[in-house]
Amino acid sequence: FGYPACPNLEDRAKIVELLNPSEIGVELSDNYMLVPEQSTDAIVAHHPQAKYFDVD
C-alpha cells in the first residue's frame, strides 16, 4: 500500500480487518502504518500474465 498499484493507505485497514495481524503482534497506526515499523505487507498474484501496474 502506498505504491502506484495500491495508492490509498486507508485500504490497508480492510486487509487488517480480514487477516487480524494482531495475532502475530502487528497493529495498524492511526496513519495506516504497520507497527512495528519493520512489518511488511504485500498483495502477490502468482500467474504467468500477472504484471505490476499503477492506477491512473
C-alpha atoms as a PDB file:
ATOM      1  CA  PHE A   1       0.000   0.000   0.000  1.00  0.00           C
ATOM      2  CA  GLY A   2       1.182   3.497  -0.770  1.00  0.00           C
ATOM      3  CA  TYR A   3       2.618   2.417  -4.134  1.00  0.00           C
ATOM      4  CA  PRO A   4       1.144   3.102  -7.610  1.00  0.00           C
ATOM      5  CA  ALA A   5      -0.856  -0.155  -7.754  1.00  0.00           C
ATOM      6  CA  CYS A   6      -2.452   0.482  -4.328  1.00  0.00           C
ATOM      7  CA  PRO A   7      -2.020   4.192  -3.600  1.00  0.00           C
ATOM      8  CA  ASN A   8      -4.506   4.540  -0.727  1.00  0.00           C
ATOM      9  CA  LEU A   9      -3.064   3.584   2.639  1.00  0.00           C
ATOM     10  CA  GLU A  10      -6.616   3.603   4.036  1.00  0.00           C
ATOM     11  CA  ASP A  11      -7.282   0.395   2.081  1.00  0.00           C
ATOM     12  CA  ARG A  12      -4.801  -1.376   4.345  1.00  0.00           C
ATOM     13  CA  ALA A  13      -7.461  -1.263   7.100  1.00  0.00           C
ATOM     14  CA  LYS A  14      -9.623  -3.675   5.074  1.00  0.00           C
ATOM     15  CA  ILE A  15      -6.814  -6.237   4.913  1.00  0.00           C
ATOM     16  CA  VAL A  16      -6.045  -5.814   8.611  1.00  0.00           C
ATOM     17  CA  GLU A  17      -9.711  -6.434   9.425  1.00  0.00           C
ATOM     18  CA  LEU A  18      -9.712  -9.656   7.378  1.00  0.00           C
ATOM     19  CA  LEU A  19      -6.365 -11.105   8.487  1.00  0.00           C
ATOM     20  CA  ASN A  20      -6.200  -9.992  12.148  1.00  0.00           C
ATOM     21  CA  PRO A  21      -2.421  -9.433  12.266  1.00  0.00           C
ATOM     22  CA  SER A  22      -2.611  -8.623  15.987  1.00  0.00           C
ATOM     23  CA  GLU A  23      -2.339 -12.392  16.492  1.00  0.00           C
ATOM     24  CA  ILE A  24       1.336 -12.068  15.499  1.00  0.00           C
ATOM     25  CA  GLY A  25       1.926  -8.702  17.184  1.00  0.00           C
ATOM     26  CA  VAL A  26       1.267  -6.381  14.233  1.00  0.00           C
ATOM     27  CA  GLU A  27      -1.074  -3.401  14.616  1.00  0.00           C
ATOM     28  CA  LEU A  28      -2.270  -0.561  12.380  1.00  0.00           C
ATOM     29  CA  SER A  29      -1.489   3.009  13.467  1.00  0.00           C
ATOM     30  CA  ASP A  30      -3.881   5.957  13.137  1.00  0.00           C
ATOM     31  CA  ASN A  31      -1.946   6.871   9.954  1.00  0.00           C
ATOM     32  CA  TYR A  32      -2.470   3.375   8.473  1.00  0.00           C
ATOM     33  CA  MET A  33       1.134   2.346   9.014  1.00  0.00           C
ATOM     34  CA  LEU A  34       2.050  -1.116  10.271  1.00  0.00           C
ATOM     35  CA  VAL A  35       3.538  -1.312  13.757  1.00  0.00           C
ATOM     36  CA  PRO A  36       6.205  -2.479  14.489  1.00  0.00           C
ATOM     37  CA  GLU A  37       7.902  -0.458  11.772  1.00  0.00           C
ATOM     38  CA  GLN A  38       9.716  -3.485  10.297  1.00  0.00           C
ATOM     39  CA  SER A  39       6.386  -5.147   9.397  1.00  0.00           C
ATOM     40  CA  THR A  40       5.652  -5.697   5.716  1.00  0.00           C
ATOM     41  CA  ASP A  41       2.522  -6.472   3.750  1.00  0.00           C
ATOM     42  CA  ALA A  42       2.007  -7.277   0.089  1.00  0.00           C
ATOM     43  CA  ILE A  43      -0.549  -8.441  -2.417  1.00  0.00           C
ATOM     44  CA  VAL A  44       1.021 -11.185  -4.513  1.00  0.00           C
ATOM     45  CA  ALA A  45      -0.581 -12.768  -7.578  1.00  0.00           C
ATOM     46  CA  HIS A  46       1.066 -15.875  -8.998  1.00  0.00           C
ATOM     47  CA  HIS A  47       0.037 -16.041 -12.629  1.00  0.00           C
ATOM     48  CA  PRO A  48       2.054 -16.051 -15.856  1.00  0.00           C
ATOM     49  CA  GLN A  49       0.201 -12.950 -17.093  1.00  0.00           C
ATOM     50  CA  ALA A  50       0.449 -11.015 -13.810  1.00  0.00           C
ATOM     51  CA  LYS A  51       2.272  -7.695 -14.062  1.00  0.00           C
ATOM     52  CA  TYR A  52       2.968  -4.606 -11.996  1.00  0.00           C
ATOM     53  CA  PHE A  53       0.636  -1.707 -12.748  1.00  0.00           C
ATOM     54  CA  ASP A  54      -0.372   1.706 -11.469  1.00  0.00           C
ATOM     55  CA  VAL A  55      -3.749   3.358 -11.035  1.00  0.00           C
ATOM     56  CA  ASP A  56      -4.256   6.375 -13.284  1.00  0.00           C
END
